[in-house]
């Protein structure tokens, strides 16, 4: 079944957020990880639940709190007196979709437990390496840093997320339908699995084959280079960010039924791929990040 079926199914629950749904699917097809930042109650967790249901993926939700330990995420080895050896008990990270709910309420030490898993798709416990399932997709939600009890994610952690999106408030017509209809959580169970796991793995591989011409590569290079000379930022985009931009644009093209990337694909995903990787200097405010990144795109001739 085409990816458009998945978008249609998710849209039955997440109303009026077609772009955000596409971005979340784009991140999954790119074999990346997704960070959703917004106020409580705008549908962050519901989107994660719906996405896993439609793609038929095993789902575990882990609530991040200030007293959560790294072992609570990765698992722990417990001594088995019968066999006279330590036995590894996997943590919640051993799933296909891990919802790290309110990730910035946990301490940096616990946040770092996800680093190896997100980059290498494996975890190391007591000197032994354990491989995670395929696909492995982390959806992390975080509340705005202005809220009480939050720890800012370090740059190394932010860089592991391919994309960061914001849900925002629904428009008035979508919110009216939401208020007039059933509880969205009840609708999730009624959704159909549009793409089985085996097909999803094939699609993730197919996305990597979406053609990016030399001109497209040069366009990405110009964007990355421009960010490094933008005086409003502490530092520019890294080579990893450039690779992330390419992967996301390939997925965006695939979702729109093309086997080649256009400049419009890069422009469509640029903000969600790069905004969280860029930090304003002291002369700017975080509110200006979007404006500065828009300036980068507008200043480069296609």
Protein backbone atom coordinates (compact mmCIF):
# COMPACT_ATOMS: atom_id res chain seq x y z
CA UNK A 1 0.00 0.00 0.00
CA UNK A 2 1.25 3.52 -0.74
CA UNK A 3 2.45 5.89 1.97
CA UNK A 4 -0.54 8.10 1.17
CA UNK A 5 -2.77 5.49 2.84
CA UNK A 6 -0.79 5.93 6.05
CA UNK A 7 -1.21 9.70 5.89
CA UNK A 8 -4.96 9.28 5.41
CA UNK A 9 -5.27 6.89 8.35
CA UNK A 10 -3.28 9.09 10.73
CA UNK A 11 -5.30 12.14 9.62
CA UNK A 12 -8.42 10.47 11.02
CA UNK A 13 -6.98 10.98 14.51
CA UNK A 14 -4.58 13.92 14.16
CA UNK A 15 -6.86 16.57 12.68
CA UNK A 16 -5.66 19.50 10.61
CA UNK A 17 -1.95 18.61 10.85
CA UNK A 18 -1.17 17.18 7.42
CA UNK A 19 2.30 18.77 7.22
CA UNK A 20 3.32 17.54 10.68
CA UNK A 21 2.10 14.02 9.84
CA UNK A 22 4.16 14.01 6.65
CA UNK A 23 7.23 15.22 8.54
CA UNK A 24 6.87 12.44 11.13
CA UNK A 25 6.52 9.80 8.41
CA UNK A 26 9.43 11.37 6.53
CA UNK A 27 11.59 10.94 9.63
CA UNK A 28 10.57 7.28 10.01
CA UNK A 29 11.25 6.47 6.36
CA UNK A 30 14.67 8.11 6.69
CA UNK A 31 15.49 5.69 9.52
CA UNK A 32 16.00 8.68 11.81
CA UNK A 33 14.55 9.84 15.13
CA UNK A 34 11.97 12.51 15.85
CA UNK A 35 11.80 15.22 18.51
CA UNK A 36 8.46 16.93 19.13
CA UNK A 37 8.50 20.09 21.24
CA UNK A 38 5.31 21.80 22.30
CA UNK A 39 2.97 22.55 25.15
CA UNK A 40 1.18 19.67 26.92
CA UNK A 41 -2.12 18.63 25.40
CA UNK A 42 -1.57 19.40 21.70
CA UNK A 43 -1.29 15.78 20.52
CA UNK A 44 2.39 14.85 20.75
CA UNK A 45 1.81 11.46 22.41
CA UNK A 46 -1.27 10.76 20.28
CA UNK A 47 0.78 11.25 17.10
CA UNK A 48 3.36 8.72 18.32
CA UNK A 49 0.67 6.16 19.20
CA UNK A 50 -1.11 6.62 15.88
CA UNK A 51 2.09 6.34 13.84
CA UNK A 52 3.09 3.06 15.47
CA UNK A 53 -0.43 1.65 15.01
CA UNK A 54 -0.66 2.49 11.30
CA UNK A 55 2.79 1.01 10.59
CA UNK A 56 2.14 -2.04 12.78
CA UNK A 57 5.13 -1.40 15.01
CA UNK A 58 5.74 -2.57 18.57
CA UNK A 59 5.34 0.45 20.84
CA UNK A 60 6.58 1.26 24.35
CA UNK A 61 6.03 4.54 26.16
CA UNK A 62 8.61 5.54 28.76
CA UNK A 63 7.88 8.50 31.00
CA UNK A 64 11.08 10.43 31.66
CA UNK A 65 11.32 11.88 35.17
CA UNK A 66 14.08 13.41 37.26
CA UNK A 67 14.66 10.13 39.17
CA UNK A 68 14.84 7.90 36.05
CA UNK A 69 18.17 6.04 35.83
CA UNK A 70 20.07 4.92 32.69
CA UNK A 71 19.45 1.27 33.64
CA UNK A 72 15.71 1.99 33.60
CA UNK A 73 16.10 2.71 29.89
CA UNK A 74 18.66 0.18 28.64
CA UNK A 75 18.13 -2.72 31.06
CA UNK A 76 20.19 -4.37 33.77
CA UNK A 77 22.13 -7.59 34.46
CA UNK A 78 20.86 -9.57 37.46
CA UNK A 79 22.74 -12.47 39.03
CA UNK A 80 21.02 -15.83 38.50
CA UNK A 81 21.97 -18.07 41.44
CA UNK A 82 20.75 -21.24 39.66
CA UNK A 83 23.03 -20.80 36.66
CA UNK A 84 25.69 -18.99 38.69
CA UNK A 85 25.90 -16.16 36.13
CA UNK A 86 24.52 -12.72 35.35
CA UNK A 87 21.45 -12.61 33.13
CA UNK A 88 20.58 -9.53 31.11
CA UNK A 89 17.04 -8.18 31.48
CA UNK A 90 16.26 -5.86 28.53
CA UNK A 91 14.87 -2.41 29.24
CA UNK A 92 12.06 -0.62 27.38
CA UNK A 93 14.50 0.55 24.72
CA UNK A 94 14.25 -2.92 23.15
CA UNK A 95 11.24 -2.12 21.01
CA UNK A 96 10.51 -0.80 17.53
CA UNK A 97 9.02 2.55 18.55
CA UNK A 98 10.15 4.09 21.83
CA UNK A 99 8.22 7.12 23.00
CA UNK A 100 10.54 9.03 25.32
CA UNK A 101 7.84 11.17 26.86
CA UNK A 102 8.98 14.54 28.28
CA UNK A 103 12.61 13.62 27.70
CA UNK A 104 13.87 16.94 29.05
CA UNK A 105 12.49 16.18 32.52
CA UNK A 106 15.22 13.53 32.99
CA UNK A 107 18.77 14.33 34.05
CA UNK A 108 21.51 14.61 31.40
CA UNK A 109 22.97 11.29 32.60
CA UNK A 110 19.76 9.47 31.76
CA UNK A 111 19.34 11.35 28.48
CA UNK A 112 22.79 10.17 27.45
CA UNK A 113 21.68 6.53 27.80
CA UNK A 114 19.94 7.00 24.46
CA UNK A 115 22.98 8.29 22.56
CA UNK A 116 24.54 4.98 21.53
CA UNK A 117 21.16 3.41 20.83
CA UNK A 118 20.04 6.21 18.54
CA UNK A 119 23.28 6.36 16.58
CA UNK A 120 24.42 2.73 16.47
CA UNK A 121 21.09 0.89 17.04
CA UNK A 122 22.70 -1.07 19.87
CA UNK A 123 23.38 -0.71 23.59
CA UNK A 124 26.33 -1.78 25.71
CA UNK A 125 25.66 -3.05 29.23
CA UNK A 126 28.36 -4.53 31.47
CA UNK A 127 30.78 -4.78 28.55
CA UNK A 128 28.35 -6.69 26.31
CA UNK A 129 26.71 -5.29 23.19
CA UNK A 130 23.03 -5.92 22.51
CA UNK A 131 21.50 -5.17 19.10
CA UNK A 132 18.17 -3.39 18.92
CA UNK A 133 15.27 -4.41 16.73
CA UNK A 134 14.64 -3.17 13.18
CA UNK A 135 13.24 -0.68 12.64
CA UNK A 136 14.19 1.29 15.75
CA UNK A 137 12.50 4.65 15.96
CA UNK A 138 12.72 7.05 18.91
CA UNK A 139 10.01 9.66 19.22
CA UNK A 140 10.88 12.05 22.03
CA UNK A 141 8.56 14.73 23.30
CA UNK A 142 9.70 17.71 25.30
CA UNK A 143 8.03 20.66 26.92
CA UNK A 144 9.32 24.18 26.24
CA UNK A 145 12.43 24.98 28.30
CA UNK A 146 10.57 27.81 30.00
CA UNK A 147 8.46 25.29 31.93
CA UNK A 148 9.40 24.25 35.46
CA UNK A 149 11.46 21.09 36.00
CA UNK A 150 13.10 20.76 32.59
CA UNK A 151 16.75 20.09 31.69
CA UNK A 152 17.97 21.40 28.33
CA UNK A 153 19.08 18.66 25.94
CA UNK A 154 22.82 18.85 25.19
CA UNK A 155 23.92 19.55 21.63
CA UNK A 156 25.17 15.98 21.17
CA UNK A 157 21.72 14.65 22.08
CA UNK A 158 19.87 17.10 19.86
CA UNK A 159 22.10 16.16 16.95
CA UNK A 160 20.90 12.54 17.16
CA UNK A 161 17.40 13.63 16.20
CA UNK A 162 16.99 13.79 12.45
CA UNK A 163 14.04 16.18 12.73
CA UNK A 164 12.33 18.37 15.28
CA UNK A 165 8.76 19.49 14.80
CA UNK A 166 6.13 21.47 16.67
CA UNK A 167 2.47 20.47 16.69
CA UNK A 168 0.94 23.86 17.46
CA UNK A 169 -2.72 24.54 18.10
CA UNK A 170 -5.23 23.16 15.58
CA UNK A 171 -7.20 25.61 13.47
CA UNK A 172 -10.76 26.38 14.54
CA UNK A 173 -12.45 23.93 12.14
CA UNK A 174 -10.16 21.05 13.16
CA UNK A 175 -10.64 21.83 16.85
CA UNK A 176 -14.42 21.90 16.39
CA UNK A 177 -14.29 18.44 14.79
CA UNK A 178 -12.11 17.30 17.66
CA UNK A 179 -14.60 18.54 20.25
CA UNK A 180 -17.57 17.12 18.36
CA UNK A 181 -16.12 13.66 17.75
CA UNK A 182 -14.82 10.77 19.78
CA UNK A 183 -11.79 10.78 22.05
CA UNK A 184 -8.80 10.45 19.65
CA UNK A 185 -7.30 7.68 21.82
CA UNK A 186 -10.41 5.56 21.21
CA UNK A 187 -10.12 6.05 17.44
CA UNK A 188 -6.56 4.69 17.35
CA UNK A 189 -7.72 1.10 17.93
CA UNK A 190 -10.00 1.37 14.89
CA UNK A 191 -7.20 2.30 12.49
CA UNK A 192 -5.89 -0.12 9.88
CA UNK A 193 -2.26 -1.14 9.55
CA UNK A 194 -1.47 0.28 6.12
CA UNK A 195 2.14 -0.93 5.77
CA UNK A 196 3.53 -4.06 7.47
CA UNK A 197 6.97 -4.02 9.08
CA UNK A 198 8.62 -6.00 6.27
CA UNK A 199 7.37 -3.51 3.70
CA UNK A 200 8.53 -0.58 5.85
CA UNK A 201 12.08 -1.94 5.88
CA UNK A 202 11.95 -2.22 2.08
CA UNK A 203 10.75 1.38 1.82
CA UNK A 204 13.53 2.63 4.11
CA UNK A 205 16.02 0.97 1.77
CA UNK A 206 14.27 2.38 -1.31
CA UNK A 207 14.44 5.91 0.12
CA UNK A 208 18.25 5.73 0.13
CA UNK A 209 18.12 5.11 -3.63
CA UNK A 210 16.15 8.28 -4.41
CA UNK A 211 18.35 10.16 -6.86
CA UNK A 212 20.18 13.30 -5.72
CA UNK A 213 21.89 15.03 -8.62
CA UNK A 214 25.20 16.84 -8.37
CA UNK A 215 23.34 20.16 -8.48
CA UNK A 216 21.25 19.09 -5.48
CA UNK A 217 24.39 18.07 -3.56
CA UNK A 218 25.93 21.46 -4.37
CA UNK A 219 22.77 23.18 -3.15
CA UNK A 220 23.00 21.35 0.19
CA UNK A 221 26.70 22.27 0.44
CA UNK A 222 25.89 25.95 -0.14
CA UNK A 223 23.26 25.86 2.63
CA UNK A 224 25.66 24.24 5.09
CA UNK A 225 28.46 26.63 4.17
CA UNK A 226 26.16 29.65 4.47
CA UNK A 227 25.14 28.63 8.01
CA UNK A 228 28.79 28.58 9.06
CA UNK A 229 29.21 32.20 8.03
CA UNK A 230 25.94 33.43 9.54
CA UNK A 231 26.99 35.74 12.37
CA UNK A 232 23.78 35.15 14.31
CA UNK A 233 24.75 31.55 15.17
CA UNK A 234 27.34 30.28 17.65
CA UNK A 235 28.40 27.66 15.09
CA UNK A 236 27.14 26.44 11.73
CA UNK A 237 25.76 23.12 10.55
CA UNK A 238 27.99 20.05 10.86
CA UNK A 239 28.66 17.48 8.09
CA UNK A 240 26.18 15.19 9.90
CA UNK A 241 23.53 17.89 9.51
CA UNK A 242 24.21 18.02 5.78
CA UNK A 243 23.76 14.25 5.56
CA UNK A 244 20.54 14.51 7.57
CA UNK A 245 19.24 17.18 5.19
CA UNK A 246 19.93 14.91 2.23
CA UNK A 247 18.21 11.89 3.85
CA UNK A 248 15.14 13.87 4.84
CA UNK A 249 14.79 15.43 1.39
CA UNK A 250 15.00 11.97 -0.20
CA UNK A 251 12.14 10.80 2.04
CA UNK A 252 10.11 13.91 1.28
CA UNK A 253 10.51 13.24 -2.45
CA UNK A 254 9.52 9.59 -1.94
CA UNK A 255 6.37 10.57 -0.04
CA UNK A 256 5.41 12.77 -3.00
CA UNK A 257 5.89 9.87 -5.45
CA UNK A 258 9.17 10.97 -6.98
CA UNK A 259 12.42 9.06 -7.35
CA UNK A 260 14.53 12.21 -7.53
CA UNK A 261 15.07 15.19 -5.21
CA UNK A 262 14.09 18.74 -6.10
CA UNK A 263 15.25 21.95 -4.38
CA UNK A 264 11.68 22.29 -3.08
CA UNK A 265 12.14 19.04 -1.11
CA UNK A 266 15.19 20.45 0.65
CA UNK A 267 13.37 23.69 1.42
CA UNK A 268 10.38 21.75 2.81
CA UNK A 269 12.43 19.83 5.39
CA UNK A 270 15.19 22.35 6.06
CA UNK A 271 13.57 24.01 9.07
CA UNK A 272 12.70 20.76 10.88
CA UNK A 273 16.12 19.23 10.16
CA UNK A 274 18.29 22.22 11.02
CA UNK A 275 16.59 24.57 13.51
CA UNK A 276 17.40 22.43 16.55
CA UNK A 277 21.02 22.09 15.43
CA UNK A 278 21.61 25.83 15.39
CA UNK A 279 22.04 28.05 18.42
CA UNK A 280 21.84 31.82 18.44
CA UNK A 281 24.69 33.83 19.90
CA UNK A 282 24.20 36.20 22.81
CA UNK A 283 23.20 39.05 20.55
CA UNK A 284 20.22 37.10 19.26
CA UNK A 285 17.30 35.31 20.92
CA UNK A 286 16.03 31.80 20.28
CA UNK A 287 12.94 33.31 18.69
CA UNK A 288 15.15 34.52 15.87
CA UNK A 289 16.41 31.04 14.88
CA UNK A 290 13.56 30.53 12.42
CA UNK A 291 14.09 33.93 10.86
CA UNK A 292 17.84 33.37 10.52
CA UNK A 293 17.37 29.94 8.92
CA UNK A 294 14.79 31.39 6.53
CA UNK A 295 17.35 34.01 5.56
CA UNK A 296 19.82 31.25 4.67
CA UNK A 297 17.37 29.63 2.25
CA UNK A 298 16.28 32.94 0.73
CA UNK A 299 19.85 34.15 0.20
CA UNK A 300 20.91 31.12 -1.89
CA UNK A 301 19.94 31.13 -5.53
CA UNK A 302 18.47 27.84 -6.72
